[in-house]
């Protein structure tokens, strides 16, 4: 039976994190085989995308459960079925990690400045998982292992290399601000989600 576009969309929306794991393998091979020797700076920028796909795999596949962790431990929603819902998760993760990151990584072929914020984004995303564990009072949250083993060390190594090569003037710069700002926007989105969820569930009267 032939699948229609809507069926593909529903399937991808349900299985996107597993698809991301497969994509990450292909992207690792691609950047190491075709990009690494062509332009090492672009290689470092594009490398952040498959690493972050592994991060998503830990969050939503093995062991998964980041949405439930965030809803119960951060938002304090008892059921775990709350503001951080599958639709928001799908559009945010696919849009930001599958489209924006590789797009700006590829644009760095034209000018490095297009993608120099990407290692900072990955660094702060990893640090965010440490802060989430502290806030939740838990030793582990889904995404923390890849954050500690890949996101933080590889992004720091990338930034250090870029500084040593003179591509970045210093650690603190405009690209630092962009990476931090993107990560800072996520909690703001979370606050909006929580507010709308409480209003829709009748827990907070409309203003």
N, C-alpha and C. Protein backbone atom coordinates (compact mmCIF):
# COMPACT_ATOMS: atom_id res chain seq x y z
N UNK A 1 0.85 -1.20 0.00
CA UNK A 1 0.00 0.00 0.00
C UNK A 1 0.88 1.25 0.00
N UNK A 2 0.62 2.16 -0.92
CA UNK A 2 1.42 3.37 -1.06
C UNK A 2 1.05 4.39 0.02
N UNK A 3 2.08 4.93 0.65
CA UNK A 3 1.84 5.93 1.68
C UNK A 3 1.66 7.31 1.04
N UNK A 4 0.69 8.06 1.52
CA UNK A 4 0.46 9.41 1.06
C UNK A 4 1.28 10.38 1.90
N UNK A 5 1.46 11.63 1.40
CA UNK A 5 2.27 12.61 2.14
C UNK A 5 1.82 12.79 3.59
N UNK A 6 0.52 12.80 3.84
CA UNK A 6 0.03 12.96 5.21
C UNK A 6 0.44 11.78 6.07
N UNK A 7 0.44 10.59 5.49
CA UNK A 7 0.86 9.41 6.22
C UNK A 7 2.35 9.45 6.53
N UNK A 8 3.14 9.95 5.57
CA UNK A 8 4.58 10.12 5.82
C UNK A 8 4.81 11.10 6.96
N UNK A 9 4.04 12.19 6.94
CA UNK A 9 4.18 13.20 7.99
C UNK A 9 3.86 12.62 9.36
N UNK A 10 2.75 11.88 9.44
CA UNK A 10 2.37 11.28 10.72
C UNK A 10 3.41 10.27 11.20
N UNK A 11 3.94 9.52 10.24
CA UNK A 11 4.98 8.55 10.59
C UNK A 11 6.23 9.26 11.09
N UNK A 12 6.67 10.31 10.37
CA UNK A 12 7.87 11.04 10.76
C UNK A 12 7.67 11.73 12.11
N UNK A 13 6.49 12.27 12.33
CA UNK A 13 6.21 12.93 13.60
C UNK A 13 6.30 11.96 14.76
N UNK A 14 5.96 10.70 14.50
CA UNK A 14 6.00 9.67 15.54
C UNK A 14 7.40 9.08 15.70
N UNK A 15 8.13 8.94 14.61
CA UNK A 15 9.40 8.22 14.64
C UNK A 15 10.63 9.10 14.38
N UNK A 16 10.49 10.41 14.45
CA UNK A 16 11.56 11.31 14.03
C UNK A 16 12.87 11.08 14.78
N UNK A 17 12.79 10.78 16.07
CA UNK A 17 14.03 10.62 16.85
C UNK A 17 14.79 9.37 16.42
N UNK A 18 14.07 8.30 16.07
CA UNK A 18 14.72 7.08 15.58
C UNK A 18 15.33 7.33 14.20
N UNK A 19 14.62 8.08 13.37
CA UNK A 19 15.14 8.44 12.06
C UNK A 19 16.41 9.28 12.24
N UNK A 20 16.40 10.15 13.23
CA UNK A 20 17.57 10.99 13.51
C UNK A 20 18.81 10.18 13.87
N UNK A 21 18.61 9.08 14.55
CA UNK A 21 19.74 8.21 14.89
C UNK A 21 20.38 7.66 13.61
N UNK A 22 19.56 7.22 12.67
CA UNK A 22 20.08 6.71 11.40
C UNK A 22 20.75 7.83 10.60
N UNK A 23 20.09 9.00 10.58
CA UNK A 23 20.66 10.14 9.87
C UNK A 23 22.02 10.55 10.45
N UNK A 24 22.14 10.46 11.76
CA UNK A 24 23.40 10.86 12.40
C UNK A 24 24.56 9.99 11.92
N UNK A 25 24.29 8.71 11.72
CA UNK A 25 25.35 7.80 11.23
C UNK A 25 25.80 8.21 9.84
N UNK A 26 24.84 8.48 8.95
CA UNK A 26 25.18 8.92 7.60
C UNK A 26 25.92 10.25 7.62
N UNK A 27 25.49 11.17 8.49
CA UNK A 27 26.13 12.48 8.55
C UNK A 27 27.54 12.39 9.11
N UNK A 28 27.76 11.52 10.10
CA UNK A 28 29.11 11.31 10.61
C UNK A 28 30.03 10.84 9.49
N UNK A 29 29.56 9.85 8.72
CA UNK A 29 30.36 9.34 7.60
C UNK A 29 30.61 10.44 6.59
N UNK A 30 29.58 11.21 6.27
CA UNK A 30 29.71 12.27 5.27
C UNK A 30 30.73 13.32 5.67
N UNK A 31 30.62 13.84 6.90
CA UNK A 31 31.52 14.92 7.30
C UNK A 31 32.96 14.44 7.45
N UNK A 32 33.13 13.19 7.91
CA UNK A 32 34.49 12.67 8.07
C UNK A 32 35.13 12.33 6.73
N UNK A 33 34.34 11.83 5.80
CA UNK A 33 34.89 11.40 4.51
C UNK A 33 35.03 12.57 3.54
N UNK A 34 34.02 13.44 3.47
CA UNK A 34 33.99 14.46 2.41
C UNK A 34 34.35 15.87 2.88
N UNK A 35 34.17 16.16 4.15
CA UNK A 35 34.35 17.54 4.60
C UNK A 35 35.64 17.74 5.38
N UNK A 36 36.02 16.74 6.16
CA UNK A 36 37.16 16.89 7.08
C UNK A 36 38.42 17.37 6.37
N UNK A 37 38.77 16.78 5.26
CA UNK A 37 39.98 17.15 4.54
C UNK A 37 39.78 18.32 3.59
N UNK A 38 38.53 18.66 3.33
CA UNK A 38 38.23 19.79 2.43
C UNK A 38 38.34 21.11 3.16
N UNK A 39 37.68 21.21 4.32
CA UNK A 39 37.71 22.44 5.13
C UNK A 39 37.44 22.05 6.57
N UNK A 40 38.48 22.07 7.39
CA UNK A 40 38.35 21.56 8.75
C UNK A 40 37.44 22.44 9.61
N UNK A 41 37.41 23.73 9.32
CA UNK A 41 36.52 24.63 10.07
C UNK A 41 35.06 24.26 9.80
N UNK A 42 34.71 24.08 8.53
CA UNK A 42 33.34 23.69 8.18
C UNK A 42 33.03 22.31 8.76
N UNK A 43 34.02 21.42 8.75
CA UNK A 43 33.87 20.10 9.35
C UNK A 43 33.45 20.21 10.81
N UNK A 44 34.11 21.07 11.57
CA UNK A 44 33.79 21.24 12.99
C UNK A 44 32.37 21.78 13.18
N UNK A 45 31.97 22.68 12.29
CA UNK A 45 30.63 23.26 12.41
C UNK A 45 29.55 22.26 12.04
N UNK A 46 29.76 21.50 10.97
CA UNK A 46 28.78 20.50 10.56
C UNK A 46 28.75 19.31 11.51
N UNK A 47 29.86 19.04 12.17
CA UNK A 47 29.94 17.90 13.09
C UNK A 47 28.96 18.03 14.24
N UNK A 48 28.60 19.26 14.58
CA UNK A 48 27.69 19.47 15.71
C UNK A 48 26.30 18.89 15.45
N UNK A 49 25.90 18.79 14.17
CA UNK A 49 24.55 18.30 13.86
C UNK A 49 24.38 16.82 14.17
N UNK A 50 25.22 15.90 13.66
CA UNK A 50 25.02 14.49 14.04
C UNK A 50 25.25 14.24 15.52
N UNK A 51 26.13 15.02 16.15
CA UNK A 51 26.31 14.88 17.60
C UNK A 51 25.01 15.23 18.31
N UNK A 52 24.37 16.30 17.87
CA UNK A 52 23.13 16.70 18.53
C UNK A 52 22.00 15.71 18.23
N UNK A 53 22.05 15.04 17.07
CA UNK A 53 21.06 14.01 16.79
C UNK A 53 21.20 12.84 17.76
N UNK A 54 22.44 12.52 18.15
CA UNK A 54 22.65 11.50 19.18
C UNK A 54 22.10 11.98 20.51
N UNK A 55 22.25 13.27 20.77
CA UNK A 55 21.67 13.89 21.97
C UNK A 55 20.15 13.69 21.98
N UNK A 56 19.51 13.93 20.83
CA UNK A 56 18.07 13.74 20.72
C UNK A 56 17.69 12.27 20.91
N UNK A 57 18.55 11.37 20.42
CA UNK A 57 18.29 9.94 20.59
C UNK A 57 18.24 9.57 22.06
N UNK A 58 19.18 10.11 22.83
CA UNK A 58 19.16 9.83 24.27
C UNK A 58 17.93 10.44 24.93
N UNK A 59 17.52 11.60 24.46
CA UNK A 59 16.36 12.28 25.06
C UNK A 59 15.05 11.55 24.78
N UNK A 60 14.90 11.00 23.55
CA UNK A 60 13.58 10.52 23.14
C UNK A 60 13.52 9.07 22.68
N UNK A 61 14.70 8.35 22.65
CA UNK A 61 14.68 6.95 22.23
C UNK A 61 15.33 6.07 23.30
N UNK A 62 16.62 6.22 23.52
CA UNK A 62 17.37 5.40 24.47
C UNK A 62 18.06 6.29 25.51
N UNK A 63 17.63 6.38 26.74
CA UNK A 63 16.43 5.73 27.30
C UNK A 63 15.14 6.48 27.04
N UNK A 64 15.26 7.73 26.54
CA UNK A 64 14.06 8.51 26.26
C UNK A 64 13.43 9.06 27.52
N UNK A 65 12.28 9.70 27.35
CA UNK A 65 11.53 10.20 28.49
C UNK A 65 11.86 11.62 28.90
N UNK A 66 12.55 12.38 28.03
CA UNK A 66 12.87 13.76 28.41
C UNK A 66 11.62 14.59 28.58
N UNK A 67 10.61 14.37 27.74
CA UNK A 67 9.37 15.13 27.86
C UNK A 67 8.70 14.88 29.21
N UNK A 68 8.65 13.62 29.62
CA UNK A 68 8.05 13.30 30.92
C UNK A 68 8.88 13.88 32.06
N UNK A 69 10.20 13.79 31.95
CA UNK A 69 11.08 14.38 32.96
C UNK A 69 10.82 15.88 33.09
N UNK A 70 10.74 16.56 31.95
CA UNK A 70 10.57 18.01 31.99
C UNK A 70 9.20 18.39 32.54
N UNK A 71 8.17 17.66 32.14
CA UNK A 71 6.82 17.98 32.60
C UNK A 71 6.65 17.73 34.10
N UNK A 72 7.22 16.63 34.59
CA UNK A 72 7.01 16.29 36.00
C UNK A 72 8.02 16.95 36.93
N UNK A 73 9.28 17.02 36.51
CA UNK A 73 10.33 17.52 37.39
C UNK A 73 10.56 19.02 37.29
N UNK A 74 10.35 19.59 36.11
CA UNK A 74 10.60 21.01 35.92
C UNK A 74 9.28 21.80 35.97
N UNK A 75 8.28 21.34 35.21
CA UNK A 75 6.99 22.01 35.21
C UNK A 75 6.11 21.61 36.40
N UNK A 76 6.47 20.52 37.08
CA UNK A 76 5.72 20.03 38.25
C UNK A 76 4.29 19.64 37.89
N UNK A 77 4.11 19.03 36.71
CA UNK A 77 2.82 18.50 36.30
C UNK A 77 2.78 17.04 36.71
N UNK A 78 1.84 16.64 37.51
CA UNK A 78 1.85 15.32 38.12
C UNK A 78 1.74 14.18 37.11
N UNK A 79 0.96 14.37 36.06
CA UNK A 79 0.72 13.26 35.14
C UNK A 79 1.87 13.04 34.17
N UNK A 80 2.67 14.04 33.92
CA UNK A 80 3.74 13.92 32.94
C UNK A 80 3.27 14.21 31.53
N UNK A 81 1.94 14.26 31.34
CA UNK A 81 1.36 14.58 30.04
C UNK A 81 0.98 16.05 30.07
N UNK A 82 1.94 16.88 29.75
CA UNK A 82 1.72 18.30 29.97
C UNK A 82 2.18 19.20 28.86
N UNK A 83 2.69 20.36 29.25
CA UNK A 83 3.02 21.41 28.27
C UNK A 83 4.00 20.96 27.20
N UNK A 84 5.03 20.21 27.57
CA UNK A 84 6.01 19.74 26.58
C UNK A 84 5.40 18.54 25.87
N UNK A 85 4.76 18.82 24.73
CA UNK A 85 3.97 17.80 24.04
C UNK A 85 4.66 17.36 22.75
N UNK A 86 4.24 16.23 22.17
CA UNK A 86 4.91 15.68 20.98
C UNK A 86 4.97 16.63 19.79
N UNK A 87 3.93 17.44 19.59
CA UNK A 87 3.93 18.36 18.45
C UNK A 87 5.00 19.44 18.61
N UNK A 88 5.07 20.05 19.78
CA UNK A 88 6.08 21.07 20.04
C UNK A 88 7.48 20.48 19.94
N UNK A 89 7.66 19.30 20.53
CA UNK A 89 8.96 18.62 20.51
C UNK A 89 9.40 18.34 19.08
N UNK A 90 8.48 17.85 18.26
CA UNK A 90 8.79 17.52 16.87
C UNK A 90 9.24 18.75 16.10
N UNK A 91 8.43 19.81 16.12
CA UNK A 91 8.76 20.99 15.32
C UNK A 91 10.02 21.68 15.81
N UNK A 92 10.21 21.75 17.12
CA UNK A 92 11.40 22.41 17.66
C UNK A 92 12.66 21.64 17.29
N UNK A 93 12.66 20.34 17.54
CA UNK A 93 13.86 19.54 17.31
C UNK A 93 14.19 19.38 15.84
N UNK A 94 13.20 19.09 15.03
CA UNK A 94 13.44 18.91 13.60
C UNK A 94 13.79 20.26 12.95
N UNK A 95 13.06 21.29 13.31
CA UNK A 95 13.32 22.60 12.72
C UNK A 95 14.69 23.14 13.08
N UNK A 96 15.05 23.07 14.35
CA UNK A 96 16.30 23.66 14.81
C UNK A 96 17.51 22.79 14.49
N UNK A 97 17.41 21.49 14.76
CA UNK A 97 18.59 20.62 14.64
C UNK A 97 18.73 20.02 13.24
N UNK A 98 17.63 19.66 12.61
CA UNK A 98 17.71 19.03 11.29
C UNK A 98 17.80 20.04 10.15
N UNK A 99 17.30 21.25 10.38
CA UNK A 99 17.27 22.24 9.29
C UNK A 99 18.21 23.41 9.55
N UNK A 100 18.02 24.10 10.68
CA UNK A 100 18.79 25.32 10.93
C UNK A 100 20.28 25.03 11.10
N UNK A 101 20.64 24.06 11.93
CA UNK A 101 22.05 23.77 12.17
C UNK A 101 22.80 23.37 10.89
N UNK A 102 22.33 22.37 10.15
CA UNK A 102 23.07 22.01 8.92
C UNK A 102 23.03 23.11 7.87
N UNK A 103 21.93 23.88 7.79
CA UNK A 103 21.85 24.96 6.82
C UNK A 103 22.93 26.00 7.07
N UNK A 104 23.07 26.44 8.32
CA UNK A 104 24.08 27.44 8.63
C UNK A 104 25.48 26.85 8.60
N UNK A 105 25.59 25.54 8.86
CA UNK A 105 26.87 24.88 8.69
C UNK A 105 27.31 24.90 7.24
N UNK A 106 26.37 24.65 6.32
CA UNK A 106 26.69 24.68 4.90
C UNK A 106 26.95 26.10 4.40
N UNK A 107 26.22 27.06 4.96
CA UNK A 107 26.45 28.46 4.59
C UNK A 107 27.84 28.93 4.99
N UNK A 108 28.43 28.25 5.98
CA UNK A 108 29.79 28.62 6.39
C UNK A 108 30.81 28.29 5.31
N UNK A 109 30.43 27.51 4.30
CA UNK A 109 31.29 27.31 3.14
C UNK A 109 31.50 28.63 2.40
N UNK A 110 30.50 29.50 2.47
CA UNK A 110 30.58 30.82 1.84
C UNK A 110 31.32 31.79 2.75
N UNK A 111 30.92 31.76 4.03
CA UNK A 111 31.53 32.65 5.02
C UNK A 111 31.41 31.97 6.39
N UNK A 112 32.54 31.79 7.06
CA UNK A 112 32.54 31.10 8.35
C UNK A 112 31.58 31.75 9.35
N UNK A 113 31.39 33.05 9.25
CA UNK A 113 30.57 33.76 10.23
C UNK A 113 29.13 33.26 10.29
N UNK A 114 28.67 32.63 9.22
CA UNK A 114 27.31 32.09 9.24
C UNK A 114 27.15 30.99 10.28
N UNK A 115 28.21 30.22 10.55
CA UNK A 115 28.06 29.04 11.39
C UNK A 115 28.86 29.03 12.68
N UNK A 116 29.56 30.11 12.98
CA UNK A 116 30.43 30.09 14.16
C UNK A 116 29.67 30.06 15.48
N UNK A 117 28.38 30.34 15.44
CA UNK A 117 27.56 30.26 16.65
C UNK A 117 27.20 28.83 17.02
N UNK A 118 27.32 27.90 16.07
CA UNK A 118 26.83 26.53 16.27
C UNK A 118 27.55 25.81 17.42
N UNK A 119 28.89 25.84 17.52
CA UNK A 119 29.53 25.18 18.67
C UNK A 119 29.10 25.78 20.01
N UNK A 120 28.85 27.08 20.04
CA UNK A 120 28.38 27.71 21.28
C UNK A 120 26.98 27.21 21.63
N UNK A 121 26.14 27.08 20.61
CA UNK A 121 24.80 26.54 20.86
C UNK A 121 24.88 25.16 21.47
N UNK A 122 25.72 24.29 20.89
CA UNK A 122 25.88 22.93 21.39
C UNK A 122 26.44 22.92 22.81
N UNK A 123 27.38 23.82 23.08
CA UNK A 123 27.96 23.92 24.42
C UNK A 123 26.91 24.29 25.45
N UNK A 124 26.15 25.33 25.18
CA UNK A 124 25.15 25.78 26.15
C UNK A 124 23.99 24.80 26.28
N UNK A 125 23.67 24.08 25.21
CA UNK A 125 22.64 23.04 25.29
C UNK A 125 23.09 21.93 26.23
N UNK A 126 24.38 21.59 26.17
CA UNK A 126 24.91 20.58 27.07
C UNK A 126 24.91 21.04 28.51
N UNK A 127 25.33 22.30 28.73
CA UNK A 127 25.34 22.87 30.07
C UNK A 127 23.92 22.92 30.64
N UNK A 128 22.94 23.18 29.77
CA UNK A 128 21.55 23.25 30.22
C UNK A 128 21.10 21.96 30.88
N UNK A 129 21.58 20.82 30.39
CA UNK A 129 21.19 19.54 30.98
C UNK A 129 21.80 19.37 32.38
N UNK A 130 22.97 19.92 32.59
CA UNK A 130 23.55 19.91 33.94
C UNK A 130 22.68 20.74 34.87
N UNK A 131 22.27 21.91 34.41
CA UNK A 131 21.42 22.79 35.22
C UNK A 131 20.06 22.15 35.49
N UNK A 132 19.54 21.41 34.51
CA UNK A 132 18.25 20.74 34.72
C UNK A 132 18.36 19.67 35.81
N UNK A 133 19.48 18.94 35.83
CA UNK A 133 19.68 17.93 36.87
C UNK A 133 19.74 18.58 38.24
N UNK A 134 20.42 19.72 38.32
CA UNK A 134 20.52 20.44 39.59
C UNK A 134 19.15 20.92 40.03
N UNK A 135 18.39 21.53 39.11
CA UNK A 135 17.07 22.05 39.44
C UNK A 135 16.11 20.94 39.86
N UNK A 136 16.18 19.80 39.16
CA UNK A 136 15.27 18.69 39.44
C UNK A 136 15.72 17.87 40.64
N UNK A 137 16.97 18.05 41.07
CA UNK A 137 17.49 17.25 42.18
C UNK A 137 17.69 15.81 41.80
N UNK A 138 18.03 15.58 40.54
CA UNK A 138 18.26 14.22 40.04
C UNK A 138 19.66 14.14 39.45
N UNK A 139 20.29 12.98 39.63
CA UNK A 139 21.63 12.79 39.10
C UNK A 139 21.63 12.72 37.58
N UNK A 140 20.52 12.22 37.01
CA UNK A 140 20.46 12.01 35.56
C UNK A 140 19.17 12.54 34.98
N UNK A 141 19.26 13.09 33.79
CA UNK A 141 18.08 13.38 32.97
C UNK A 141 18.41 13.00 31.53
N UNK A 142 17.42 12.59 30.73
CA UNK A 142 17.69 12.13 29.36
C UNK A 142 18.36 13.22 28.52
N UNK A 143 19.54 12.91 28.03
CA UNK A 143 20.33 13.87 27.26
C UNK A 143 21.60 14.27 27.97
N UNK A 144 21.69 13.96 29.27
CA UNK A 144 22.84 14.38 30.06
C UNK A 144 24.12 13.64 29.66
N UNK A 145 24.02 12.35 29.37
CA UNK A 145 25.21 11.56 29.05
C UNK A 145 25.88 12.08 27.77
N UNK A 146 25.10 12.29 26.71
CA UNK A 146 25.68 12.80 25.47
C UNK A 146 26.17 14.23 25.67
N UNK A 147 25.48 15.00 26.51
CA UNK A 147 25.93 16.35 26.81
C UNK A 147 27.34 16.35 27.40
N UNK A 148 27.56 15.44 28.37
CA UNK A 148 28.85 15.38 29.06
C UNK A 148 29.93 14.73 28.21
N UNK A 149 29.55 13.74 27.40
CA UNK A 149 30.55 12.98 26.65
C UNK A 149 30.84 13.55 25.26
N UNK A 150 29.87 14.26 24.67
CA UNK A 150 30.06 14.76 23.31
C UNK A 150 29.79 16.26 23.16
N UNK A 151 28.60 16.72 23.51
CA UNK A 151 28.25 18.11 23.26
C UNK A 151 29.26 19.09 23.86
N UNK A 152 29.50 18.96 25.15
CA UNK A 152 30.37 19.92 25.82
C UNK A 152 31.83 19.77 25.39
N UNK A 153 32.42 18.56 25.46
CA UNK A 153 33.85 18.46 25.07
C UNK A 153 34.12 18.78 23.60
N UNK A 154 33.27 18.31 22.69
CA UNK A 154 33.52 18.55 21.26
C UNK A 154 33.31 20.03 20.93
N UNK A 155 32.31 20.66 21.51
CA UNK A 155 32.09 22.08 21.24
C UNK A 155 33.22 22.92 21.82
N UNK A 156 33.70 22.59 23.00
CA UNK A 156 34.83 23.32 23.58
C UNK A 156 36.09 23.12 22.75
N UNK A 157 36.32 21.90 22.29
CA UNK A 157 37.46 21.62 21.41
C UNK A 157 37.35 22.41 20.12
N UNK A 158 36.14 22.47 19.55
CA UNK A 158 35.92 23.21 18.31
C UNK A 158 36.19 24.70 18.50
N UNK A 159 35.66 25.26 19.59
CA UNK A 159 35.85 26.68 19.85
C UNK A 159 37.33 26.99 20.08
N UNK A 160 38.01 26.13 20.82
CA UNK A 160 39.44 26.32 21.07
C UNK A 160 40.23 26.29 19.76
N UNK A 161 39.90 25.35 18.89
CA UNK A 161 40.57 25.26 17.59
C UNK A 161 40.34 26.53 16.79
N UNK A 162 39.11 27.01 16.77
CA UNK A 162 38.77 28.20 16.00
C UNK A 162 39.50 29.43 16.53
N UNK A 163 39.68 29.50 17.84
CA UNK A 163 40.43 30.61 18.44
C UNK A 163 41.90 30.50 18.06
N UNK A 164 42.46 29.30 18.17
CA UNK A 164 43.88 29.11 17.85
C UNK A 164 44.18 29.37 16.38
N UNK A 165 43.20 29.11 15.52
CA UNK A 165 43.39 29.36 14.08
C UNK A 165 43.13 30.81 13.72
N UNK A 166 42.64 31.59 14.67
CA UNK A 166 42.35 32.99 14.39
C UNK A 166 41.00 33.22 13.74
N UNK A 167 40.19 32.18 13.63
CA UNK A 167 38.85 32.32 13.07
C UNK A 167 37.97 33.08 14.06
N UNK A 168 38.15 32.81 15.35
CA UNK A 168 37.52 33.56 16.43
C UNK A 168 38.60 34.37 17.15
N UNK A 169 38.25 35.61 17.51
CA UNK A 169 39.22 36.46 18.19
C UNK A 169 39.41 36.04 19.65
N UNK A 170 38.32 35.60 20.27
CA UNK A 170 38.35 35.22 21.68
C UNK A 170 37.15 34.34 21.97
N UNK A 171 37.08 33.81 23.18
CA UNK A 171 35.96 32.94 23.56
C UNK A 171 34.66 33.74 23.62
N UNK A 172 34.73 34.95 24.16
CA UNK A 172 33.55 35.81 24.27
C UNK A 172 33.45 36.67 23.02
N UNK A 173 32.36 36.52 22.29
CA UNK A 173 32.19 37.25 21.05
C UNK A 173 30.71 37.24 20.65
N UNK A 174 30.42 37.78 19.48
CA UNK A 174 29.03 37.85 19.00
C UNK A 174 28.41 36.47 18.82
N UNK A 175 29.21 35.51 18.38
CA UNK A 175 28.71 34.16 18.15
C UNK A 175 28.36 33.48 19.48
N UNK A 176 29.13 33.78 20.52
CA UNK A 176 28.82 33.34 21.88
C UNK A 176 27.42 33.82 22.27
N UNK A 177 27.13 35.10 21.98
CA UNK A 177 25.84 35.70 22.33
C UNK A 177 24.71 35.01 21.59
N UNK A 178 24.92 34.71 20.30
CA UNK A 178 23.87 34.04 19.51
C UNK A 178 23.58 32.66 20.07
N UNK A 179 24.64 31.87 20.33
CA UNK A 179 24.44 30.53 20.87
C UNK A 179 23.74 30.55 22.21
N UNK A 180 24.11 31.51 23.06
CA UNK A 180 23.47 31.65 24.37
C UNK A 180 22.02 32.10 24.22
N UNK A 181 21.78 33.04 23.32
CA UNK A 181 20.43 33.59 23.15
C UNK A 181 19.45 32.53 22.65
N UNK A 182 19.90 31.67 21.73
CA UNK A 182 19.02 30.61 21.23
C UNK A 182 18.64 29.67 22.37
N UNK A 183 19.63 29.30 23.18
CA UNK A 183 19.34 28.42 24.31
C UNK A 183 18.47 29.12 25.35
N UNK A 184 18.69 30.42 25.55
CA UNK A 184 17.89 31.16 26.52
C UNK A 184 16.45 31.32 26.07
N UNK A 185 16.23 31.28 24.75
CA UNK A 185 14.86 31.40 24.24
C UNK A 185 14.01 30.16 24.54
N UNK A 186 14.68 29.01 24.75
CA UNK A 186 13.94 27.77 24.98
C UNK A 186 13.17 27.79 26.31
N UNK A 187 13.80 28.25 27.43
CA UNK A 187 13.01 28.36 28.66
C UNK A 187 11.85 29.34 28.54
N UNK A 188 12.04 30.40 27.73
CA UNK A 188 10.95 31.35 27.53
C UNK A 188 9.79 30.67 26.82
N UNK A 189 10.11 29.85 25.80
CA UNK A 189 9.07 29.06 25.14
C UNK A 189 8.37 28.15 26.14
N UNK A 190 9.17 27.57 27.05
CA UNK A 190 8.62 26.67 28.06
C UNK A 190 7.64 27.38 28.97
N UNK A 191 7.97 28.61 29.36
CA UNK A 191 7.08 29.39 30.22
C UNK A 191 5.76 29.67 29.51
N UNK A 192 5.84 29.99 28.23
CA UNK A 192 4.62 30.23 27.44
C UNK A 192 3.79 28.96 27.34
N UNK A 193 4.46 27.83 27.09
CA UNK A 193 3.76 26.55 27.02
C UNK A 193 3.05 26.22 28.33
N UNK A 194 3.76 26.43 29.43
CA UNK A 194 3.20 26.13 30.75
C UNK A 194 1.99 27.01 31.04
N UNK A 195 2.12 28.29 30.72
CA UNK A 195 1.01 29.22 30.95
C UNK A 195 -0.22 28.82 30.14
N UNK A 196 0.00 28.50 28.85
CA UNK A 196 -1.12 28.11 28.00
C UNK A 196 -1.74 26.79 28.46
N UNK A 197 -0.89 25.87 28.92
CA UNK A 197 -1.38 24.58 29.40
C UNK A 197 -2.27 24.77 30.62
N UNK A 198 -1.82 25.60 31.55
CA UNK A 198 -2.60 25.82 32.77
C UNK A 198 -3.91 26.52 32.47
N UNK A 199 -3.89 27.43 31.51
CA UNK A 199 -5.12 28.11 31.13
C UNK A 199 -6.10 27.15 30.49
N UNK A 200 -5.59 26.31 29.58
CA UNK A 200 -6.46 25.38 28.86
C UNK A 200 -7.01 24.30 29.78
N UNK A 201 -6.25 23.97 30.83
CA UNK A 201 -6.73 22.95 31.76
C UNK A 201 -7.56 23.52 32.89
N UNK A 202 -7.73 24.86 32.90
CA UNK A 202 -8.58 25.48 33.90
C UNK A 202 -7.91 25.70 35.23
N UNK A 203 -6.57 25.53 35.29
CA UNK A 203 -5.87 25.70 36.56
C UNK A 203 -5.55 27.15 36.84
N UNK A 204 -5.54 27.96 35.80
CA UNK A 204 -5.30 29.39 35.97
C UNK A 204 -6.41 30.14 35.25
N UNK A 205 -7.12 31.04 35.94
CA UNK A 205 -8.21 31.76 35.27
C UNK A 205 -7.66 32.69 34.19
N UNK A 206 -8.38 32.83 33.06
CA UNK A 206 -7.91 33.72 32.00
C UNK A 206 -7.79 35.14 32.51
N UNK A 207 -6.80 35.89 32.01
CA UNK A 207 -6.58 37.26 32.46
C UNK A 207 -7.46 38.21 31.65
